[in-house]
């Protein structure tokens, strides 16, 4: 009997699922998202307690909407991870070699102290931490910073 009730439940909320998918402009993987939303609807159907929520439609609306948002976030995070193919590795290696040559050229114009400041700054250290590490005053570190920036601007801006 509960399965027959779910069919009626499904008929009642199927349009809502389509509405969400269209509202969030989901064109790719539409069927997959629709299926996941139907599964969530089944779970909500089995777990709904009328004593906890008076308005069933509002409850279903909110739960399905935020479930879809969570799915989109999850898919976005997964798509950000890139597994390079062999062709991309070759391309990346050529860029890496070019970048390496440019970096050595760039670093050759800096003094040892400026280079140390540059490396530590790229690693995220603050001016005070760099001063302690290099055993210099804060004003000296700020001077290295100023001179390094001037040299880098001249190098990159011609």
Foldseek 3Di string as FASTA:
>chain_A
DVVVVVVVVCVVCVVVQVVLCVVVPPDPCSVVSSVVLSVVSVVCSVPPDCVVPVDPVVVSNVVSNVVVVVVVVVVVVVVVDDDDDPVVVVVVVVVVVVVVVVVVVLCVVADPLLSLLVVVVVVPDDLVVSCVVVVHDSVVSVVSVVVSVVSVCVVVVD
